[in-house]
Amino acid sequence: MKVGLIYTSTTPELIADVEREVKKQLGEDVELYSLQDPSILAEVREAGYVTTAPAARLIGMYMKAAEAGCDAMLNLCSSVGEVADCVQDVAKYIGVPIVRVDEEMCREAVRKGTRIGVMATLPTTLEPTKGTIRRMARENGKYVELVDCLVEGAFGLNQDQFKARMTESAATIADKVDVIVFAQGSMAYCEQYIAEKFNKVVLSSVRFGAEELKKALIKKGTI
C-alpha cells in the first residue's frame, strides 16, 4: 500500500506527526510518497488567497502522486483545502481518493461545541478553516460562533518559542470558547499542552486526517 503526503510547507514537527499518525493507522509497512512545494504557500501568503499558478501546481502534485501509484493521498495544507475539494470528481474517476487533513477535525469541533476558537499563524489558513467549520455546521443543522485567534509572529519560530506564543494567544480566547481548533497541522505538537493548560477541548488536524485516510482506503477496498 502506498499513500501520497502532499505538503505545501513543512516543519520537522509536522513531518514527524504526519508519519507517526499515518503509520499508526495503516501500519509500519505502508509506503509514504511525500511531495513538497513550499512556493505554493509562499505565493498564497503573498496574494492573500489561492491564485491560479499555485493552485495549478498543487493539482499537478496530486496527479504526480497518482501517476506514482499511490492508492490515496492526504492533502496537508488547510490554506489550499478548497483546491482539494475542486479535484474530488477527478480523484473519484482515477480511483485515488484525496483526503483533506482538516475536514473531519472541523466536523468534530461542531459536534463538541457552539463557540469555537480558531487558531492560526496565517490569515490565509484562518479563513479557509473557518469556512470549513461553517460548512460542517450547516450540514449538521447547527449554529456556531467562531472566535478568531491569529498567532502573529509565530510562523517560523523554533519549538519552544512557538509553544510560548501559542500559549499567550490561547489565553486571549480560552474563556470565550468551548473548543479550540488548530488550523495548521504544524501546531499539532502543542495540542495536549494547550488542552491541559486551559482545560479546554483542543483539536488538531493530523490525527483526524490519518483516520480519514484509512477510511478512504477501506472504502476503496485497498484494506
N, C-alpha and C. Protein backbone atom coordinates (compact mmCIF):
# COMPACT_ATOMS: atom_id res chain seq x y z
N MET A 1 0.85 -1.19 0.00
CA MET A 1 0.00 0.00 0.00
C MET A 1 0.88 1.25 0.00
N LYS A 2 0.50 2.22 -0.82
CA LYS A 2 1.30 3.43 -0.98
C LYS A 2 0.38 4.64 -0.88
N VAL A 3 0.76 5.59 -0.03
CA VAL A 3 -0.06 6.79 0.13
C VAL A 3 0.78 8.04 -0.13
N GLY A 4 0.15 9.02 -0.74
CA GLY A 4 0.81 10.29 -1.02
C GLY A 4 0.57 11.29 0.09
N LEU A 5 1.62 11.95 0.50
CA LEU A 5 1.54 13.01 1.51
C LEU A 5 1.88 14.32 0.79
N ILE A 6 0.90 15.20 0.67
CA ILE A 6 1.03 16.39 -0.17
C ILE A 6 1.17 17.62 0.73
N TYR A 7 2.37 18.16 0.76
CA TYR A 7 2.68 19.33 1.61
C TYR A 7 2.88 20.57 0.74
N THR A 8 2.43 21.73 1.26
CA THR A 8 2.84 22.99 0.65
C THR A 8 3.89 23.69 1.50
N SER A 9 4.02 23.28 2.73
CA SER A 9 5.05 23.81 3.61
C SER A 9 5.23 22.78 4.73
N THR A 10 6.43 22.65 5.24
CA THR A 10 6.66 21.64 6.26
C THR A 10 7.50 22.20 7.40
N THR A 11 7.38 21.53 8.53
CA THR A 11 8.30 21.69 9.64
C THR A 11 8.70 20.28 10.07
N PRO A 12 9.81 20.12 10.76
CA PRO A 12 10.17 18.79 11.25
C PRO A 12 9.08 18.18 12.13
N GLU A 13 8.41 19.04 12.94
CA GLU A 13 7.36 18.55 13.81
C GLU A 13 6.17 18.03 13.00
N LEU A 14 5.81 18.76 11.94
CA LEU A 14 4.68 18.34 11.12
C LEU A 14 4.97 17.01 10.43
N ILE A 15 6.14 16.89 9.83
CA ILE A 15 6.50 15.65 9.15
C ILE A 15 6.48 14.47 10.12
N ALA A 16 7.06 14.67 11.31
CA ALA A 16 7.10 13.59 12.30
C ALA A 16 5.69 13.20 12.74
N ASP A 17 4.82 14.20 12.98
CA ASP A 17 3.45 13.91 13.42
C ASP A 17 2.68 13.18 12.33
N VAL A 18 2.81 13.65 11.09
CA VAL A 18 2.06 13.03 9.98
C VAL A 18 2.50 11.58 9.80
N GLU A 19 3.79 11.35 9.74
CA GLU A 19 4.27 9.98 9.50
C GLU A 19 3.90 9.06 10.65
N ARG A 20 3.97 9.56 11.88
CA ARG A 20 3.60 8.73 13.03
C ARG A 20 2.11 8.37 12.99
N GLU A 21 1.25 9.35 12.72
CA GLU A 21 -0.19 9.09 12.73
C GLU A 21 -0.62 8.22 11.56
N VAL A 22 -0.02 8.43 10.40
CA VAL A 22 -0.38 7.59 9.24
C VAL A 22 0.05 6.15 9.48
N LYS A 23 1.24 5.94 10.00
CA LYS A 23 1.69 4.58 10.29
C LYS A 23 0.89 3.94 11.42
N LYS A 24 0.44 4.75 12.35
CA LYS A 24 -0.42 4.24 13.43
C LYS A 24 -1.71 3.66 12.85
N GLN A 25 -2.24 4.32 11.83
CA GLN A 25 -3.49 3.88 11.21
C GLN A 25 -3.28 2.77 10.19
N LEU A 26 -2.18 2.83 9.43
CA LEU A 26 -2.01 1.95 8.27
C LEU A 26 -0.91 0.90 8.44
N GLY A 27 -0.16 1.01 9.54
CA GLY A 27 0.89 0.03 9.78
C GLY A 27 2.26 0.52 9.35
N GLU A 28 3.29 -0.04 9.93
CA GLU A 28 4.65 0.40 9.67
C GLU A 28 5.11 0.09 8.24
N ASP A 29 4.44 -0.84 7.58
CA ASP A 29 4.87 -1.23 6.23
C ASP A 29 4.32 -0.32 5.13
N VAL A 30 3.45 0.62 5.47
CA VAL A 30 2.89 1.50 4.45
C VAL A 30 4.02 2.30 3.78
N GLU A 31 3.94 2.44 2.47
CA GLU A 31 4.94 3.23 1.74
C GLU A 31 4.45 4.68 1.66
N LEU A 32 5.28 5.59 2.13
CA LEU A 32 4.92 7.01 2.14
C LEU A 32 5.62 7.73 0.99
N TYR A 33 4.81 8.34 0.15
CA TYR A 33 5.33 9.08 -1.01
C TYR A 33 5.08 10.56 -0.75
N SER A 34 6.12 11.28 -0.38
CA SER A 34 5.99 12.67 0.06
C SER A 34 6.34 13.64 -1.06
N LEU A 35 5.46 14.61 -1.26
CA LEU A 35 5.70 15.68 -2.22
C LEU A 35 5.57 17.01 -1.49
N GLN A 36 6.52 17.91 -1.75
CA GLN A 36 6.54 19.20 -1.07
C GLN A 36 6.80 20.32 -2.07
N ASP A 37 6.05 21.41 -1.92
CA ASP A 37 6.31 22.61 -2.72
C ASP A 37 6.00 23.84 -1.88
N PRO A 38 6.98 24.33 -1.10
CA PRO A 38 6.74 25.47 -0.22
C PRO A 38 6.42 26.76 -0.97
N SER A 39 6.74 26.82 -2.27
CA SER A 39 6.42 28.03 -3.03
C SER A 39 4.91 28.24 -3.14
N ILE A 40 4.14 27.15 -3.03
CA ILE A 40 2.68 27.27 -3.10
C ILE A 40 2.17 28.13 -1.95
N LEU A 41 2.53 27.76 -0.72
CA LEU A 41 2.07 28.53 0.43
C LEU A 41 2.66 29.94 0.42
N ALA A 42 3.90 30.08 -0.02
CA ALA A 42 4.52 31.41 -0.07
C ALA A 42 3.73 32.34 -0.99
N GLU A 43 3.31 31.84 -2.13
CA GLU A 43 2.55 32.67 -3.07
C GLU A 43 1.14 32.95 -2.56
N VAL A 44 0.55 31.98 -1.89
CA VAL A 44 -0.78 32.19 -1.31
C VAL A 44 -0.70 33.24 -0.21
N ARG A 45 0.33 33.16 0.61
CA ARG A 45 0.52 34.17 1.67
C ARG A 45 0.68 35.57 1.08
N GLU A 46 1.48 35.67 0.03
CA GLU A 46 1.75 36.98 -0.58
C GLU A 46 0.48 37.58 -1.19
N ALA A 47 -0.31 36.75 -1.86
CA ALA A 47 -1.52 37.25 -2.52
C ALA A 47 -2.68 37.41 -1.54
N GLY A 48 -2.68 36.61 -0.47
CA GLY A 48 -3.78 36.63 0.48
C GLY A 48 -4.89 35.66 0.13
N TYR A 49 -4.75 34.94 -0.95
CA TYR A 49 -5.73 33.93 -1.36
C TYR A 49 -5.06 33.01 -2.37
N VAL A 50 -5.76 31.94 -2.74
CA VAL A 50 -5.18 30.96 -3.65
C VAL A 50 -5.35 31.45 -5.09
N THR A 51 -4.24 31.76 -5.73
CA THR A 51 -4.26 32.23 -7.10
C THR A 51 -4.05 31.07 -8.08
N THR A 52 -4.12 31.37 -9.35
CA THR A 52 -4.12 30.33 -10.38
C THR A 52 -2.86 29.47 -10.37
N ALA A 53 -1.70 30.10 -10.36
CA ALA A 53 -0.45 29.34 -10.52
C ALA A 53 -0.21 28.34 -9.39
N PRO A 54 -0.31 28.75 -8.11
CA PRO A 54 -0.10 27.76 -7.04
C PRO A 54 -1.17 26.68 -7.03
N ALA A 55 -2.42 27.04 -7.38
CA ALA A 55 -3.47 26.02 -7.45
C ALA A 55 -3.13 24.99 -8.51
N ALA A 56 -2.64 25.46 -9.66
CA ALA A 56 -2.29 24.55 -10.74
C ALA A 56 -1.14 23.64 -10.34
N ARG A 57 -0.16 24.18 -9.63
CA ARG A 57 0.97 23.35 -9.20
C ARG A 57 0.52 22.29 -8.19
N LEU A 58 -0.40 22.68 -7.31
CA LEU A 58 -0.89 21.71 -6.33
C LEU A 58 -1.64 20.58 -7.04
N ILE A 59 -2.48 20.92 -7.99
CA ILE A 59 -3.19 19.88 -8.75
C ILE A 59 -2.19 18.98 -9.47
N GLY A 60 -1.10 19.59 -9.97
CA GLY A 60 -0.05 18.79 -10.59
C GLY A 60 0.59 17.81 -9.62
N MET A 61 0.71 18.20 -8.35
CA MET A 61 1.25 17.30 -7.33
C MET A 61 0.31 16.13 -7.09
N TYR A 62 -1.00 16.39 -7.08
CA TYR A 62 -1.96 15.29 -6.95
C TYR A 62 -1.78 14.30 -8.10
N MET A 63 -1.66 14.83 -9.30
CA MET A 63 -1.55 13.95 -10.47
C MET A 63 -0.23 13.18 -10.46
N LYS A 64 0.83 13.82 -9.97
CA LYS A 64 2.11 13.12 -9.88
C LYS A 64 2.02 11.96 -8.89
N ALA A 65 1.35 12.18 -7.78
CA ALA A 65 1.17 11.11 -6.79
C ALA A 65 0.35 9.96 -7.38
N ALA A 66 -0.68 10.32 -8.15
CA ALA A 66 -1.49 9.28 -8.79
C ALA A 66 -0.66 8.49 -9.80
N GLU A 67 0.14 9.19 -10.62
CA GLU A 67 0.99 8.52 -11.60
C GLU A 67 2.02 7.63 -10.92
N ALA A 68 2.45 8.01 -9.71
CA ALA A 68 3.45 7.23 -8.98
C ALA A 68 2.87 5.97 -8.34
N GLY A 69 1.57 5.77 -8.49
CA GLY A 69 0.96 4.56 -7.98
C GLY A 69 0.39 4.65 -6.58
N CYS A 70 0.17 5.87 -6.08
CA CYS A 70 -0.41 6.00 -4.74
C CYS A 70 -1.86 5.50 -4.75
N ASP A 71 -2.24 4.83 -3.68
CA ASP A 71 -3.60 4.33 -3.53
C ASP A 71 -4.56 5.41 -3.03
N ALA A 72 -4.03 6.39 -2.32
CA ALA A 72 -4.79 7.52 -1.82
C ALA A 72 -3.78 8.59 -1.42
N MET A 73 -4.28 9.79 -1.18
CA MET A 73 -3.35 10.85 -0.76
C MET A 73 -3.99 11.74 0.28
N LEU A 74 -3.13 12.36 1.08
CA LEU A 74 -3.56 13.23 2.17
C LEU A 74 -3.07 14.64 1.88
N ASN A 75 -4.01 15.56 1.70
CA ASN A 75 -3.68 16.97 1.47
C ASN A 75 -3.44 17.63 2.83
N LEU A 76 -2.22 18.12 3.05
CA LEU A 76 -1.81 18.53 4.39
C LEU A 76 -1.78 20.03 4.63
N CYS A 77 -2.34 20.81 3.73
CA CYS A 77 -2.34 22.27 3.92
C CYS A 77 -3.77 22.78 3.92
N SER A 78 -4.19 23.38 5.02
CA SER A 78 -5.55 23.89 5.12
C SER A 78 -5.76 25.15 4.29
N SER A 79 -4.69 25.88 4.00
CA SER A 79 -4.82 27.09 3.19
C SER A 79 -5.31 26.80 1.79
N VAL A 80 -5.05 25.57 1.32
CA VAL A 80 -5.41 25.22 -0.06
C VAL A 80 -6.42 24.07 -0.09
N GLY A 81 -7.16 23.90 0.99
CA GLY A 81 -8.12 22.80 1.07
C GLY A 81 -9.17 22.85 -0.02
N GLU A 82 -9.56 24.06 -0.44
CA GLU A 82 -10.58 24.18 -1.47
C GLU A 82 -10.08 23.68 -2.82
N VAL A 83 -8.77 23.68 -3.03
CA VAL A 83 -8.23 23.10 -4.25
C VAL A 83 -8.47 21.60 -4.25
N ALA A 84 -8.24 20.97 -3.10
CA ALA A 84 -8.53 19.54 -2.98
C ALA A 84 -10.01 19.26 -3.24
N ASP A 85 -10.87 20.13 -2.74
CA ASP A 85 -12.31 19.95 -2.96
C ASP A 85 -12.64 19.95 -4.45
N CYS A 86 -12.04 20.87 -5.18
CA CYS A 86 -12.41 21.03 -6.59
C CYS A 86 -11.93 19.87 -7.46
N VAL A 87 -10.99 19.06 -6.95
CA VAL A 87 -10.44 17.96 -7.74
C VAL A 87 -11.09 16.62 -7.37
N GLN A 88 -12.07 16.64 -6.49
CA GLN A 88 -12.63 15.38 -5.99
C GLN A 88 -13.28 14.53 -7.09
N ASP A 89 -13.91 15.15 -8.07
CA ASP A 89 -14.51 14.37 -9.16
C ASP A 89 -13.43 13.62 -9.95
N VAL A 90 -12.31 14.31 -10.20
CA VAL A 90 -11.20 13.66 -10.90
C VAL A 90 -10.64 12.52 -10.04
N ALA A 91 -10.50 12.78 -8.74
CA ALA A 91 -9.97 11.76 -7.83
C ALA A 91 -10.83 10.50 -7.85
N LYS A 92 -12.14 10.69 -7.86
CA LYS A 92 -13.04 9.53 -7.94
C LYS A 92 -12.87 8.79 -9.26
N TYR A 93 -12.75 9.56 -10.33
CA TYR A 93 -12.64 8.95 -11.67
C TYR A 93 -11.38 8.10 -11.80
N ILE A 94 -10.25 8.62 -11.27
CA ILE A 94 -9.00 7.87 -11.41
C ILE A 94 -8.78 6.89 -10.27
N GLY A 95 -9.68 6.89 -9.29
CA GLY A 95 -9.62 5.90 -8.22
C GLY A 95 -8.55 6.15 -7.18
N VAL A 96 -8.19 7.42 -7.00
CA VAL A 96 -7.18 7.76 -5.99
C VAL A 96 -7.76 8.86 -5.09
N PRO A 97 -8.38 8.48 -3.97
CA PRO A 97 -9.02 9.47 -3.11
C PRO A 97 -8.04 10.52 -2.59
N ILE A 98 -8.53 11.76 -2.53
CA ILE A 98 -7.77 12.86 -1.92
C ILE A 98 -8.49 13.24 -0.63
N VAL A 99 -7.81 13.07 0.48
CA VAL A 99 -8.39 13.34 1.80
C VAL A 99 -7.84 14.66 2.32
N ARG A 100 -8.73 15.55 2.72
CA ARG A 100 -8.31 16.79 3.37
C ARG A 100 -7.96 16.52 4.83
N VAL A 101 -6.84 17.03 5.27
CA VAL A 101 -6.38 16.76 6.63
C VAL A 101 -7.30 17.37 7.69
N ASP A 102 -8.02 18.44 7.33
CA ASP A 102 -8.72 19.23 8.34
C ASP A 102 -10.23 19.04 8.39
N GLU A 103 -10.80 18.34 7.41
CA GLU A 103 -12.26 18.32 7.30
C GLU A 103 -12.93 17.65 8.50
N GLU A 104 -12.47 16.46 8.87
CA GLU A 104 -13.09 15.75 9.99
C GLU A 104 -12.84 16.47 11.31
N MET A 105 -11.69 17.12 11.45
CA MET A 105 -11.43 17.92 12.64
C MET A 105 -12.49 19.00 12.79
N CYS A 106 -12.81 19.67 11.69
CA CYS A 106 -13.81 20.74 11.73
C CYS A 106 -15.19 20.17 12.06
N ARG A 107 -15.50 18.99 11.55
CA ARG A 107 -16.77 18.34 11.88
C ARG A 107 -16.83 18.00 13.38
N GLU A 108 -15.71 17.52 13.91
CA GLU A 108 -15.66 17.19 15.35
C GLU A 108 -15.81 18.45 16.20
N ALA A 109 -15.25 19.56 15.77
CA ALA A 109 -15.39 20.82 16.51
C ALA A 109 -16.85 21.22 16.63
N VAL A 110 -17.60 21.04 15.54
CA VAL A 110 -19.03 21.36 15.55
C VAL A 110 -19.77 20.42 16.49
N ARG A 111 -19.37 19.17 16.54
CA ARG A 111 -20.01 18.23 17.47
C ARG A 111 -19.77 18.62 18.93
N LYS A 112 -18.56 19.15 19.20
CA LYS A 112 -18.13 19.36 20.57
C LYS A 112 -18.57 20.68 21.18
N GLY A 113 -18.91 21.68 20.36
CA GLY A 113 -19.26 22.96 20.95
C GLY A 113 -19.94 23.90 19.98
N THR A 114 -20.39 25.03 20.52
CA THR A 114 -21.02 26.05 19.68
C THR A 114 -20.15 27.30 19.57
N ARG A 115 -19.27 27.50 20.53
CA ARG A 115 -18.32 28.62 20.46
C ARG A 115 -16.94 28.02 20.19
N ILE A 116 -16.45 28.26 18.99
CA ILE A 116 -15.23 27.59 18.52
C ILE A 116 -14.15 28.62 18.23
N GLY A 117 -13.03 28.48 18.93
CA GLY A 117 -11.88 29.33 18.67
C GLY A 117 -11.01 28.71 17.59
N VAL A 118 -10.58 29.52 16.64
CA VAL A 118 -9.76 29.03 15.53
C VAL A 118 -8.40 29.73 15.60
N MET A 119 -7.35 28.93 15.85
CA MET A 119 -6.00 29.47 15.97
C MET A 119 -5.20 29.18 14.71
N ALA A 120 -4.51 30.20 14.20
CA ALA A 120 -3.67 30.05 13.02
C ALA A 120 -2.56 31.08 13.07
N THR A 121 -1.45 30.78 12.42
CA THR A 121 -0.36 31.76 12.32
C THR A 121 -0.48 32.60 11.06
N LEU A 122 -1.36 32.18 10.13
CA LEU A 122 -1.50 32.87 8.85
C LEU A 122 -2.98 33.16 8.58
N PRO A 123 -3.30 34.39 8.14
CA PRO A 123 -4.69 34.69 7.77
C PRO A 123 -5.19 33.80 6.64
N THR A 124 -4.27 33.38 5.76
CA THR A 124 -4.67 32.53 4.63
C THR A 124 -5.06 31.13 5.07
N THR A 125 -4.73 30.74 6.29
CA THR A 125 -5.19 29.46 6.83
C THR A 125 -6.42 29.66 7.71
N LEU A 126 -6.49 30.79 8.37
CA LEU A 126 -7.60 31.08 9.28
C LEU A 126 -8.94 31.07 8.54
N GLU A 127 -9.02 31.81 7.44
CA GLU A 127 -10.29 31.95 6.74
C GLU A 127 -10.79 30.64 6.12
N PRO A 128 -9.95 29.85 5.42
CA PRO A 128 -10.45 28.58 4.89
C PRO A 128 -10.92 27.62 5.98
N THR A 129 -10.23 27.61 7.12
CA THR A 129 -10.65 26.72 8.21
C THR A 129 -12.01 27.15 8.76
N LYS A 130 -12.19 28.44 8.92
CA LYS A 130 -13.49 28.94 9.37
C LYS A 130 -14.58 28.57 8.38
N GLY A 131 -14.26 28.67 7.08
CA GLY A 131 -15.24 28.30 6.07
C GLY A 131 -15.63 26.83 6.16
N THR A 132 -14.66 25.97 6.42
CA THR A 132 -14.94 24.54 6.55
C THR A 132 -15.79 24.26 7.79
N ILE A 133 -15.49 24.93 8.90
CA ILE A 133 -16.31 24.76 10.11
C ILE A 133 -17.74 25.20 9.85
N ARG A 134 -17.91 26.32 9.18
CA ARG A 134 -19.27 26.79 8.88
C ARG A 134 -20.02 25.79 7.99
N ARG A 135 -19.31 25.22 7.03
CA ARG A 135 -19.94 24.22 6.15
C ARG A 135 -20.38 23.00 6.95
N MET A 136 -19.52 22.55 7.87
CA MET A 136 -19.88 21.41 8.70
C MET A 136 -21.07 21.73 9.61
N ALA A 137 -21.11 22.97 10.10
CA ALA A 137 -22.24 23.38 10.94
C ALA A 137 -23.54 23.36 10.14
N ARG A 138 -23.50 23.86 8.89
CA ARG A 138 -24.70 23.82 8.05
C ARG A 138 -25.15 22.38 7.81
N GLU A 139 -24.17 21.51 7.50
CA GLU A 139 -24.50 20.12 7.23
C GLU A 139 -25.11 19.42 8.44
N ASN A 140 -24.73 19.90 9.64
CA ASN A 140 -25.24 19.29 10.87
C ASN A 140 -26.42 20.06 11.47
N GLY A 141 -26.90 21.09 10.75
CA GLY A 141 -28.03 21.86 11.23
C GLY A 141 -27.78 22.56 12.54
N LYS A 142 -26.58 23.08 12.71
CA LYS A 142 -26.19 23.67 13.99
C LYS A 142 -25.60 25.06 13.78
N TYR A 143 -25.92 25.97 14.68
CA TYR A 143 -25.32 27.30 14.66
C TYR A 143 -24.05 27.29 15.49
N VAL A 144 -22.99 27.88 14.96
CA VAL A 144 -21.76 28.02 15.73
C VAL A 144 -21.28 29.47 15.67
N GLU A 145 -20.59 29.84 16.72
CA GLU A 145 -19.96 31.16 16.79
C GLU A 145 -18.45 30.95 16.73
N LEU A 146 -17.79 31.63 15.80
CA LEU A 146 -16.35 31.46 15.63
C LEU A 146 -15.59 32.65 16.21
N VAL A 147 -14.50 32.33 16.89
CA VAL A 147 -13.65 33.36 17.50
C VAL A 147 -12.26 33.24 16.90
N ASP A 148 -11.82 34.30 16.23
CA ASP A 148 -10.50 34.29 15.59
C ASP A 148 -9.39 34.40 16.62
N CYS A 149 -8.28 33.70 16.33
CA CYS A 149 -7.07 33.86 17.13
C CYS A 149 -5.87 33.74 16.20
N LEU A 150 -5.45 34.87 15.66
CA LEU A 150 -4.29 34.89 14.78
C LEU A 150 -3.03 35.01 15.64
N VAL A 151 -2.20 33.99 15.59
CA VAL A 151 -0.99 33.94 16.41
C VAL A 151 0.11 34.67 15.64
N GLU A 152 0.13 35.96 15.77
CA GLU A 152 1.02 36.79 14.95
C GLU A 152 2.47 36.59 15.35
N GLY A 153 3.32 36.55 14.32
CA GLY A 153 4.75 36.44 14.54
C GLY A 153 5.23 35.05 14.89
N ALA A 154 4.35 34.05 14.83
CA ALA A 154 4.73 32.70 15.24
C ALA A 154 5.27 31.86 14.09
N PHE A 155 4.95 32.23 12.87
CA PHE A 155 5.38 31.43 11.72
C PHE A 155 6.90 31.43 11.63
N GLY A 156 7.49 30.23 11.66
CA GLY A 156 8.94 30.10 11.53
C GLY A 156 9.71 30.09 12.83
N LEU A 157 9.03 30.20 13.98
CA LEU A 157 9.73 30.16 15.26
C LEU A 157 10.17 28.74 15.60
N ASN A 158 11.17 28.62 16.50
CA ASN A 158 11.53 27.28 16.95
C ASN A 158 10.46 26.75 17.90
N GLN A 159 10.59 25.47 18.28
CA GLN A 159 9.52 24.79 19.01
C GLN A 159 9.18 25.48 20.33
N ASP A 160 10.17 25.83 21.12
CA ASP A 160 9.92 26.45 22.42
C ASP A 160 9.28 27.83 22.25
N GLN A 161 9.81 28.63 21.33
CA GLN A 161 9.25 29.96 21.08
C GLN A 161 7.82 29.85 20.57
N PHE A 162 7.59 28.88 19.71
CA PHE A 162 6.26 28.69 19.13
C PHE A 162 5.25 28.31 20.21
N LYS A 163 5.64 27.40 21.07
CA LYS A 163 4.74 26.96 22.14
C LYS A 163 4.40 28.13 23.07
N ALA A 164 5.40 28.96 23.38
CA ALA A 164 5.16 30.13 24.23
C ALA A 164 4.19 31.11 23.57
N ARG A 165 4.37 31.34 22.27
CA ARG A 165 3.48 32.25 21.55
C ARG A 165 2.06 31.67 21.46
N MET A 166 1.96 30.37 21.27
CA MET A 166 0.66 29.72 21.23
C MET A 166 -0.06 29.87 22.57
N THR A 167 0.69 29.72 23.66
CA THR A 167 0.11 29.84 24.99
C THR A 167 -0.41 31.25 25.23
N GLU A 168 0.38 32.25 24.87
CA GLU A 168 -0.05 33.64 25.03
C GLU A 168 -1.33 33.92 24.25
N SER A 169 -1.39 33.42 23.04
CA SER A 169 -2.56 33.68 22.19
C SER A 169 -3.78 32.91 22.68
N ALA A 170 -3.59 31.65 23.06
CA ALA A 170 -4.72 30.86 23.54
C ALA A 170 -5.35 31.48 24.78
N ALA A 171 -4.53 32.12 25.60
CA ALA A 171 -5.04 32.76 26.83
C ALA A 171 -6.04 33.87 26.52
N THR A 172 -5.95 34.47 25.33
CA THR A 172 -6.85 35.57 24.98
C THR A 172 -8.24 35.09 24.58
N ILE A 173 -8.39 33.80 24.27
CA ILE A 173 -9.70 33.31 23.83
C ILE A 173 -10.25 32.18 24.70
N ALA A 174 -9.44 31.62 25.58
CA ALA A 174 -9.84 30.39 26.30
C ALA A 174 -11.15 30.54 27.06
N ASP A 175 -11.40 31.71 27.65
CA ASP A 175 -12.62 31.88 28.44
C ASP A 175 -13.82 32.25 27.58
N LYS A 176 -13.62 32.35 26.27
CA LYS A 176 -14.71 32.74 25.37
C LYS A 176 -15.24 31.58 24.54
N VAL A 177 -14.59 30.41 24.61
CA VAL A 177 -14.92 29.33 23.68
C VAL A 177 -15.09 27.99 24.41
N ASP A 178 -15.79 27.06 23.72
CA ASP A 178 -15.93 25.69 24.21
C ASP A 178 -14.83 24.80 23.66
N VAL A 179 -14.40 25.09 22.44
CA VAL A 179 -13.46 24.26 21.71
C VAL A 179 -12.43 25.17 21.04
N ILE A 180 -11.17 24.71 21.01
CA ILE A 180 -10.12 25.41 20.27
C ILE A 180 -9.66 24.51 19.13
N VAL A 181 -9.66 25.06 17.93
CA VAL A 181 -9.22 24.33 16.74
C VAL A 181 -7.88 24.91 16.29
N PHE A 182 -6.94 24.03 16.03
CA PHE A 182 -5.67 24.44 15.43
C PHE A 182 -5.80 24.33 13.91
N ALA A 183 -5.72 25.45 13.23
CA ALA A 183 -5.96 25.47 11.79
C ALA A 183 -4.81 24.88 10.99
N GLN A 184 -3.64 24.74 11.59
CA GLN A 184 -2.48 24.24 10.86
C GLN A 184 -1.95 22.96 11.50
N GLY A 185 -1.63 21.98 10.65
CA GLY A 185 -1.11 20.72 11.15
C GLY A 185 0.17 20.88 11.93
N SER A 186 0.95 21.90 11.58
CA SER A 186 2.24 22.12 12.26
C SER A 186 2.07 22.51 13.72
N MET A 187 0.85 22.83 14.14
CA MET A 187 0.58 23.17 15.54
C MET A 187 0.32 21.94 16.40
N ALA A 188 0.22 20.77 15.80
CA ALA A 188 -0.31 19.59 16.48
C ALA A 188 0.44 19.24 17.75
N TYR A 189 1.75 19.46 17.78
CA TYR A 189 2.52 19.05 18.95
C TYR A 189 2.18 19.87 20.19
N CYS A 190 1.45 20.97 20.03
CA CYS A 190 1.02 21.79 21.17
C CYS A 190 -0.36 21.38 21.69
N GLU A 191 -1.02 20.44 21.03
CA GLU A 191 -2.42 20.14 21.34
C GLU A 191 -2.64 19.76 22.80
N GLN A 192 -1.94 18.76 23.26
CA GLN A 192 -2.15 18.29 24.63
C GLN A 192 -1.75 19.36 25.65
N TYR A 193 -0.67 20.06 25.37
CA TYR A 193 -0.19 21.10 26.28
C TYR A 193 -1.24 22.20 26.47
N ILE A 194 -1.78 22.70 25.38
CA ILE A 194 -2.78 23.78 25.45
C ILE A 194 -4.06 23.26 26.09
N ALA A 195 -4.45 22.03 25.76
CA ALA A 195 -5.67 21.45 26.34
C ALA A 195 -5.57 21.37 27.86
N GLU A 196 -4.44 20.90 28.34
CA GLU A 196 -4.26 20.75 29.78
C GLU A 196 -4.12 22.10 30.48
N LYS A 197 -3.44 23.02 29.85
CA LYS A 197 -3.18 24.32 30.48
C LYS A 197 -4.48 25.12 30.66
N PHE A 198 -5.37 25.02 29.69
CA PHE A 198 -6.59 25.83 29.73
C PHE A 198 -7.86 25.00 29.99
N ASN A 199 -7.67 23.68 30.19
CA ASN A 199 -8.80 22.80 30.46
C ASN A 199 -9.89 22.94 29.40
N LYS A 200 -9.47 22.87 28.15
CA LYS A 200 -10.38 23.00 27.01
C LYS A 200 -10.21 21.82 26.07
N VAL A 201 -11.26 21.55 25.30
CA VAL A 201 -11.14 20.62 24.18
C VAL A 201 -10.32 21.32 23.10
N VAL A 202 -9.20 20.71 22.72
CA VAL A 202 -8.34 21.26 21.68
C VAL A 202 -8.20 20.22 20.58
N LEU A 203 -8.40 20.64 19.34
CA LEU A 203 -8.36 19.72 18.21
C LEU A 203 -7.31 20.16 17.20
N SER A 204 -6.48 19.22 16.79
CA SER A 204 -5.54 19.47 15.69
C SER A 204 -5.80 18.43 14.60
N SER A 205 -5.38 18.74 13.40
CA SER A 205 -5.90 18.03 12.24
C SER A 205 -5.22 16.72 11.90
N VAL A 206 -3.96 16.53 12.27
CA VAL A 206 -3.19 15.41 11.71
C VAL A 206 -3.80 14.06 12.05
N ARG A 207 -4.16 13.85 13.30
CA ARG A 207 -4.71 12.54 13.69
C ARG A 207 -6.05 12.29 13.00
N PHE A 208 -6.85 13.34 12.84
CA PHE A 208 -8.12 13.17 12.14
C PHE A 208 -7.88 12.85 10.66
N GLY A 209 -6.92 13.53 10.06
CA GLY A 209 -6.62 13.27 8.65
C GLY A 209 -6.15 11.86 8.42
N ALA A 210 -5.32 11.34 9.32
CA ALA A 210 -4.82 9.96 9.18
C ALA A 210 -5.96 8.96 9.32
N GLU A 211 -6.87 9.22 10.23
CA GLU A 211 -8.03 8.32 10.39
C GLU A 211 -8.90 8.33 9.15
N GLU A 212 -9.12 9.52 8.57
CA GLU A 212 -9.94 9.61 7.37
C GLU A 212 -9.25 8.98 6.16
N LEU A 213 -7.93 9.06 6.13
CA LEU A 213 -7.18 8.39 5.07
C LEU A 213 -7.43 6.89 5.11
N LYS A 214 -7.40 6.34 6.31
CA LYS A 214 -7.67 4.91 6.45
C LYS A 214 -9.09 4.57 6.00
N LYS A 215 -10.06 5.38 6.37
CA LYS A 215 -11.45 5.15 5.97
C LYS A 215 -11.58 5.17 4.45
N ALA A 216 -10.87 6.10 3.81
CA ALA A 216 -10.92 6.19 2.34
C ALA A 216 -10.35 4.94 1.69
N LEU A 217 -9.29 4.40 2.27
CA LEU A 217 -8.67 3.18 1.73
C LEU A 217 -9.56 1.97 1.97
N ILE A 218 -10.25 1.93 3.10
CA ILE A 218 -11.19 0.84 3.37
C ILE A 218 -12.35 0.91 2.36
N LYS A 219 -12.88 2.12 2.15
CA LYS A 219 -13.99 2.30 1.21
C LYS A 219 -13.58 1.88 -0.20
N LYS A 220 -12.34 2.18 -0.55
CA LYS A 220 -11.82 1.82 -1.87
C LYS A 220 -11.61 0.31 -1.99
N GLY A 221 -11.42 -0.36 -0.87
CA GLY A 221 -11.17 -1.79 -0.87
C GLY A 221 -9.71 -2.16 -0.84
N THR A 222 -8.85 -1.17 -0.60
CA THR A 222 -7.41 -1.44 -0.54
C THR A 222 -7.05 -2.19 0.74
N ILE A 223 -7.78 -1.90 1.83
CA ILE A 223 -7.56 -2.60 3.10
C ILE A 223 -8.89 -3.09 3.64
